[in-house]
């Protein structure tokens, strides 16, 4: 029951594909509303994660229904390997159904559910378009009304493709190795170590977040899961002694072929200052083969070195992603 008349809140059976599709259409439509260049989770990706959950996280789809119509959608995600007191919650209500108590009804369901699961830290992302602020954007105002505080801010940047960044000579003492799909076996242990290092180094502001521990098996499991919906492109930098120095990773979306996501770009501290960040991105960009029309990336506002690299490529700001957090108890 809720305080909104005629409204029911309940889980969506992920095996009931018509219901799950209705839930997804509400989630994605509301998430795109009012944004200039949204990159919203695809149907293929979200349905696969709900219908075939992996070992690293558990997701739950929740719908607000009134008169047989889906009027709100929520995604609750529980990490299972790290951050065992944390949950991520996304609440999406279409503009025509806002200010009717639907978002608060979904949130009330989430609070009760998370209490049962022993989760006390709740995090959510709010994407605020350039030109808006947390004082004017509905999602930010809703989060702050619930008691959330913005603990980290990343700039969502977009690079129109094809791009023609300035070429540079190789960095002395380093070589770059690129691949599409799964990491070559000879590099997978080094690649896993880089993912672990990146997890501990990425700026997170005031968020409660544990560094992930990666090994070859976890990398392989993640590659297999993502291969259902993305084509992954990676470039690894190796120092003269063969040890890894940095890497970058791009996901080309198979369901939305015009979109690509620049995910990690990381250089170990002892190898910074040699221009590897730019060279890694430059080499990986060459693997995109002219298919995607836009390359998205997120960079913390305080990460000045990566901001300079992004500016050299021509990325432009489209919105700021506020990572909000609330401690329930």
Protein backbone atom coordinates (compact mmCIF):
# COMPACT_ATOMS: atom_id res chain seq x y z
CA UNK A 1 0.00 0.00 0.00
CA UNK A 2 1.05 3.62 -0.58
CA UNK A 3 -0.17 7.11 0.23
CA UNK A 4 -0.87 7.66 -3.48
CA UNK A 5 -4.48 6.54 -4.21
CA UNK A 6 -4.79 3.58 -6.56
CA UNK A 7 -1.03 3.03 -6.75
CA UNK A 8 0.67 -0.31 -6.17
CA UNK A 9 4.40 -0.95 -5.87
CA UNK A 10 5.78 -4.38 -6.59
CA UNK A 11 8.68 -6.31 -8.08
CA UNK A 12 8.59 -7.18 -11.76
CA UNK A 13 9.21 -10.82 -12.58
CA UNK A 14 12.26 -10.71 -14.90
CA UNK A 15 11.01 -13.84 -16.68
CA UNK A 16 7.73 -12.07 -17.57
CA UNK A 17 9.21 -10.37 -20.61
CA UNK A 18 6.15 -8.27 -21.62
CA UNK A 19 5.93 -6.82 -18.09
CA UNK A 20 9.68 -6.31 -17.93
CA UNK A 21 9.58 -4.51 -21.27
CA UNK A 22 6.85 -2.17 -20.03
CA UNK A 23 8.94 -1.48 -16.94
CA UNK A 24 12.02 -0.80 -19.07
CA UNK A 25 10.18 1.59 -21.40
CA UNK A 26 9.13 3.70 -18.42
CA UNK A 27 12.62 3.59 -16.88
CA UNK A 28 14.42 4.52 -20.09
CA UNK A 29 11.90 7.11 -21.24
CA UNK A 30 11.96 8.95 -17.93
CA UNK A 31 15.76 8.73 -17.73
CA UNK A 32 16.10 10.38 -21.16
CA UNK A 33 13.62 13.18 -20.50
CA UNK A 34 15.08 16.67 -20.77
CA UNK A 35 18.65 15.54 -21.43
CA UNK A 36 20.71 16.52 -24.48
CA UNK A 37 22.82 13.39 -24.96
CA UNK A 38 21.67 10.69 -22.54
CA UNK A 39 23.36 7.32 -22.54
CA UNK A 40 20.71 5.08 -21.01
CA UNK A 41 21.09 1.38 -20.26
CA UNK A 42 19.80 -0.66 -23.19
CA UNK A 43 17.04 -3.26 -23.14
CA UNK A 44 19.48 -6.02 -24.03
CA UNK A 45 21.83 -5.11 -21.20
CA UNK A 46 19.26 -4.64 -18.44
CA UNK A 47 17.14 -7.65 -19.36
CA UNK A 48 20.21 -9.90 -19.49
CA UNK A 49 21.39 -8.73 -16.06
CA UNK A 50 17.96 -9.30 -14.53
CA UNK A 51 17.22 -12.64 -16.21
CA UNK A 52 20.74 -14.07 -15.87
CA UNK A 53 22.29 -12.52 -12.74
CA UNK A 54 26.01 -12.91 -12.17
CA UNK A 55 28.06 -13.31 -9.01
CA UNK A 56 29.03 -9.65 -8.59
CA UNK A 57 25.62 -8.00 -8.15
CA UNK A 58 21.90 -8.63 -7.77
CA UNK A 59 19.38 -6.36 -9.47
CA UNK A 60 15.67 -5.99 -8.78
CA UNK A 61 13.14 -4.29 -11.07
CA UNK A 62 10.29 -2.54 -9.27
CA UNK A 63 7.23 -0.92 -10.89
CA UNK A 64 4.65 1.61 -9.78
CA UNK A 65 1.32 0.68 -11.37
CA UNK A 66 -1.95 2.59 -11.39
CA UNK A 67 -5.03 1.46 -13.24
CA UNK A 68 -3.00 -1.14 -15.11
CA UNK A 69 -0.53 1.52 -16.36
CA UNK A 70 3.16 1.52 -15.43
CA UNK A 71 3.70 5.06 -14.11
CA UNK A 72 7.10 4.69 -12.44
CA UNK A 73 10.10 2.38 -12.46
CA UNK A 74 12.90 1.67 -10.03
CA UNK A 75 16.09 -0.38 -10.26
CA UNK A 76 17.69 -1.61 -7.04
CA UNK A 77 21.21 -3.03 -7.25
CA UNK A 78 23.08 -4.82 -4.47
CA UNK A 79 26.85 -5.40 -4.83
CA UNK A 80 27.79 -8.94 -3.77
CA UNK A 81 31.61 -8.90 -3.71
CA UNK A 82 32.45 -5.52 -2.21
CA UNK A 83 30.43 -2.75 -0.54
CA UNK A 84 28.18 -5.26 1.21
CA UNK A 85 26.43 -2.52 3.20
CA UNK A 86 25.72 -0.47 0.07
CA UNK A 87 22.91 -0.38 -2.48
CA UNK A 88 22.35 1.63 -5.64
CA UNK A 89 18.82 2.83 -6.33
CA UNK A 90 17.51 4.50 -9.48
CA UNK A 91 14.00 5.99 -9.43
CA UNK A 92 12.44 7.11 -12.73
CA UNK A 93 9.04 8.72 -13.12
CA UNK A 94 7.89 10.14 -16.49
CA UNK A 95 7.27 13.93 -16.45
CA UNK A 96 3.49 13.58 -16.84
CA UNK A 97 3.30 11.47 -13.68
CA UNK A 98 5.57 13.51 -11.42
CA UNK A 99 4.52 15.33 -8.24
CA UNK A 100 1.87 12.70 -7.52
CA UNK A 101 3.70 10.77 -4.81
CA UNK A 102 4.94 8.04 -7.15
CA UNK A 103 8.65 8.61 -6.62
CA UNK A 104 8.21 8.71 -2.84
CA UNK A 105 6.15 5.51 -2.93
CA UNK A 106 8.92 3.74 -4.83
CA UNK A 107 11.49 5.10 -2.40
CA UNK A 108 9.47 3.86 0.59
CA UNK A 109 9.46 0.37 -0.94
CA UNK A 110 13.23 0.60 -1.41
CA UNK A 111 13.86 1.64 2.19
CA UNK A 112 11.90 -1.33 3.54
CA UNK A 113 13.59 -3.72 1.10
CA UNK A 114 17.09 -2.47 1.94
CA UNK A 115 16.42 -2.76 5.65
CA UNK A 116 15.54 -6.42 5.10
CA UNK A 117 18.75 -6.88 3.12
CA UNK A 118 20.94 -5.20 5.75
CA UNK A 119 21.99 -2.36 3.43
CA UNK A 120 22.52 0.97 5.16
CA UNK A 121 24.32 3.07 2.51
CA UNK A 122 22.29 4.12 -0.54
CA UNK A 123 23.82 5.71 -3.62
CA UNK A 124 22.25 7.11 -6.76
CA UNK A 125 23.31 9.12 -9.80
CA UNK A 126 21.57 12.25 -11.05
CA UNK A 127 22.51 13.63 -14.46
CA UNK A 128 22.14 17.42 -14.52
CA UNK A 129 22.26 18.94 -18.03
CA UNK A 130 24.66 21.79 -18.71
CA UNK A 131 22.75 24.99 -18.02
CA UNK A 132 20.76 23.41 -15.19
CA UNK A 133 21.78 23.08 -11.53
CA UNK A 134 20.93 20.86 -8.58
CA UNK A 135 18.53 23.60 -7.50
CA UNK A 136 16.54 23.49 -10.76
CA UNK A 137 16.83 19.89 -11.99
CA UNK A 138 13.92 17.65 -10.86
CA UNK A 139 16.03 14.56 -10.15
CA UNK A 140 18.45 16.47 -7.94
CA UNK A 141 15.68 18.24 -6.09
CA UNK A 142 13.95 14.91 -5.45
CA UNK A 143 17.15 13.28 -4.16
CA UNK A 144 17.94 16.16 -1.84
CA UNK A 145 14.36 16.23 -0.55
CA UNK A 146 14.87 12.61 0.54
CA UNK A 147 18.04 13.57 2.41
CA UNK A 148 20.69 12.57 -0.12
CA UNK A 149 23.84 14.66 -0.44
CA UNK A 150 26.03 15.07 -3.54
CA UNK A 151 29.37 13.43 -2.66
CA UNK A 152 31.10 13.34 -6.05
CA UNK A 153 30.64 15.10 -9.38
CA UNK A 154 31.76 13.90 -12.79
CA UNK A 155 31.45 15.71 -16.09
CA UNK A 156 29.67 13.76 -18.82
CA UNK A 157 31.55 14.61 -22.00
CA UNK A 158 30.77 13.67 -25.59
CA UNK A 159 33.11 13.51 -28.58
CA UNK A 160 31.43 13.60 -32.01
CA UNK A 161 32.81 10.92 -34.31
CA UNK A 162 34.72 10.58 -36.51
CA UNK A 163 37.30 12.62 -34.64
CA UNK A 164 40.73 13.66 -35.89
CA UNK A 165 42.95 14.23 -32.83
CA UNK A 166 46.52 15.32 -33.39
CA UNK A 167 48.92 12.40 -33.88
CA UNK A 168 51.90 12.07 -31.57
CA UNK A 169 55.06 9.93 -31.74
CA UNK A 170 55.32 6.83 -29.52
CA UNK A 171 56.35 7.41 -25.92
CA UNK A 172 60.00 6.34 -25.51
CA UNK A 173 60.36 3.21 -23.41
CA UNK A 174 56.77 2.02 -23.85
CA UNK A 175 54.79 -0.09 -26.27
CA UNK A 176 51.05 -0.26 -26.77
CA UNK A 177 49.07 -3.46 -27.32
CA UNK A 178 45.47 -3.23 -28.55
CA UNK A 179 42.74 -5.85 -28.88
CA UNK A 180 39.01 -6.23 -29.44
CA UNK A 181 36.97 -8.61 -27.30
CA UNK A 182 38.61 -10.74 -24.61
CA UNK A 183 42.04 -9.83 -23.30
CA UNK A 184 44.80 -12.04 -24.75
CA UNK A 185 45.79 -14.76 -22.27
CA UNK A 186 49.35 -13.52 -22.00
CA UNK A 187 48.18 -10.17 -20.60
CA UNK A 188 45.14 -11.13 -18.53
CA UNK A 189 46.90 -11.23 -15.14
CA UNK A 190 48.49 -7.84 -15.76
CA UNK A 191 45.16 -6.51 -17.03
CA UNK A 192 43.40 -7.69 -13.86
CA UNK A 193 46.05 -6.00 -11.74
CA UNK A 194 45.43 -2.76 -13.64
CA UNK A 195 41.69 -2.99 -13.00
CA UNK A 196 42.38 -3.40 -9.28
CA UNK A 197 44.73 -0.43 -9.27
CA UNK A 198 42.20 1.70 -11.16
CA UNK A 199 39.47 0.80 -8.69
CA UNK A 200 41.58 2.05 -5.80
CA UNK A 201 42.72 5.22 -7.55
CA UNK A 202 39.57 6.61 -9.22
CA UNK A 203 38.27 9.80 -7.54
CA UNK A 204 35.11 9.09 -5.53
CA UNK A 205 34.80 12.21 -3.38
CA UNK A 206 32.92 11.47 -0.18
CA UNK A 207 31.30 8.25 -1.37
CA UNK A 208 31.53 5.11 0.72
CA UNK A 209 33.18 2.74 -1.72
CA UNK A 210 35.60 -0.15 -1.43
CA UNK A 211 38.26 -0.88 -4.03
CA UNK A 212 37.38 -3.93 -6.13
CA UNK A 213 39.74 -6.89 -6.14
CA UNK A 214 40.20 -8.26 -9.65
CA UNK A 215 41.82 -11.47 -10.80
CA UNK A 216 41.86 -13.24 -14.16
CA UNK A 217 38.73 -15.26 -13.40
CA UNK A 218 36.73 -12.15 -12.52
CA UNK A 219 37.94 -10.37 -15.65
CA UNK A 220 36.90 -13.34 -17.80
CA UNK A 221 33.45 -13.48 -16.18
CA UNK A 222 32.94 -9.75 -16.78
CA UNK A 223 34.12 -10.01 -20.37
CA UNK A 224 31.69 -12.86 -21.04
CA UNK A 225 28.77 -10.95 -19.53
CA UNK A 226 29.48 -7.73 -21.39
CA UNK A 227 30.06 -9.50 -24.71
CA UNK A 228 26.29 -10.07 -24.94
CA UNK A 229 25.65 -6.36 -25.42
CA UNK A 230 28.95 -4.59 -26.13
CA UNK A 231 32.04 -4.88 -28.29
CA UNK A 232 34.96 -4.10 -26.01
CA UNK A 233 38.12 -2.41 -27.28
CA UNK A 234 41.19 -2.12 -25.09
CA UNK A 235 44.74 -0.82 -25.26
CA UNK A 236 47.43 -1.69 -22.72
CA UNK A 237 50.69 0.21 -22.21
CA UNK A 238 53.73 -1.89 -21.33
CA UNK A 239 56.97 -0.47 -19.94
CA UNK A 240 60.38 -1.52 -21.24
CA UNK A 241 60.57 -4.30 -18.62
CA UNK A 242 57.23 -5.70 -19.80
CA UNK A 243 55.30 -4.54 -16.76
CA UNK A 244 51.92 -2.85 -17.34
CA UNK A 245 51.91 0.94 -17.10
CA UNK A 246 48.37 1.90 -18.07
CA UNK A 247 45.31 0.94 -20.06
CA UNK A 248 42.13 2.28 -21.62
CA UNK A 249 38.83 0.62 -22.42
CA UNK A 250 35.96 1.49 -24.77
CA UNK A 251 32.62 -0.28 -25.11
CA UNK A 252 30.81 -0.04 -28.45
CA UNK A 253 27.09 -0.58 -27.88
CA UNK A 254 25.68 -3.39 -30.04
CA UNK A 255 22.05 -2.31 -29.54
CA UNK A 256 22.77 1.39 -30.09
CA UNK A 257 25.56 1.23 -32.70
CA UNK A 258 25.83 5.00 -32.90
CA UNK A 259 26.98 5.17 -29.25
CA UNK A 260 30.28 4.18 -27.64
CA UNK A 261 31.40 4.51 -24.04
CA UNK A 262 34.93 5.50 -23.08
CA UNK A 263 35.21 3.67 -19.77
CA UNK A 264 38.48 3.41 -17.84
CA UNK A 265 41.62 5.28 -18.76
CA UNK A 266 44.31 4.76 -16.15
CA UNK A 267 48.07 5.22 -15.82
CA UNK A 268 49.99 4.00 -12.79
CA UNK A 269 51.40 6.91 -10.74
CA UNK A 270 55.04 6.01 -11.46
CA UNK A 271 54.39 6.22 -15.22
CA UNK A 272 52.50 9.51 -15.29
CA UNK A 273 53.93 12.52 -17.09
CA UNK A 274 54.93 10.59 -20.23
CA UNK A 275 51.74 11.38 -22.15
CA UNK A 276 50.47 7.80 -21.93
CA UNK A 277 46.85 8.81 -21.24
CA UNK A 278 46.57 10.62 -24.57
CA UNK A 279 48.44 7.92 -26.48
CA UNK A 280 46.29 5.14 -25.00
CA UNK A 281 43.07 6.89 -25.99
CA UNK A 282 44.45 7.71 -29.43
CA UNK A 283 45.36 4.09 -30.14
CA UNK A 284 42.03 2.79 -28.88
CA UNK A 285 40.06 5.35 -30.89
CA UNK A 286 41.56 3.87 -34.05
CA UNK A 287 39.78 0.57 -33.26
CA UNK A 288 36.27 2.06 -33.47
CA UNK A 289 36.21 1.55 -37.25
CA UNK A 290 33.96 4.52 -37.99
CA UNK A 291 30.76 2.90 -36.67
CA UNK A 292 29.73 4.94 -33.58
CA UNK A 293 28.80 8.59 -34.02
CA UNK A 294 29.37 9.64 -30.40
CA UNK A 295 31.91 8.68 -27.76
CA UNK A 296 30.82 9.28 -24.15
CA UNK A 297 33.06 9.58 -21.13
CA UNK A 298 32.79 10.67 -17.50
CA UNK A 299 35.62 12.45 -15.70
CA UNK A 300 35.71 13.78 -12.15
CA UNK A 301 35.70 17.56 -12.00
CA UNK A 302 38.88 17.46 -9.91
CA UNK A 303 40.80 15.18 -12.29
CA UNK A 304 42.73 17.94 -14.05
CA UNK A 305 45.17 15.72 -16.01
CA UNK A 306 42.37 13.68 -17.62
CA UNK A 307 40.34 16.83 -18.23
CA UNK A 308 43.29 18.19 -20.24
CA UNK A 309 43.52 14.94 -22.23
CA UNK A 310 39.79 15.08 -23.00
CA UNK A 311 40.07 18.70 -24.13
CA UNK A 312 42.85 17.76 -26.61
CA UNK A 313 40.48 15.26 -28.22
CA UNK A 314 37.62 17.76 -28.47
CA UNK A 315 35.19 16.28 -25.94
CA UNK A 316 32.40 18.71 -25.00
CA UNK A 317 30.44 18.97 -21.78
CA UNK A 318 26.78 17.89 -21.96
CA UNK A 319 25.89 17.36 -18.29
CA UNK A 320 27.26 16.81 -14.80
CA UNK A 321 26.65 13.53 -13.03
CA UNK A 322 26.14 13.99 -9.30
CA UNK A 323 26.76 10.88 -7.25
CA UNK A 324 24.45 11.15 -4.27
CA UNK A 325 24.61 9.20 -1.04
CA UNK A 326 22.37 8.69 1.98
CA UNK A 327 23.15 6.77 5.18
CA UNK A 328 19.93 5.12 6.32
CA UNK A 329 21.09 4.39 9.85
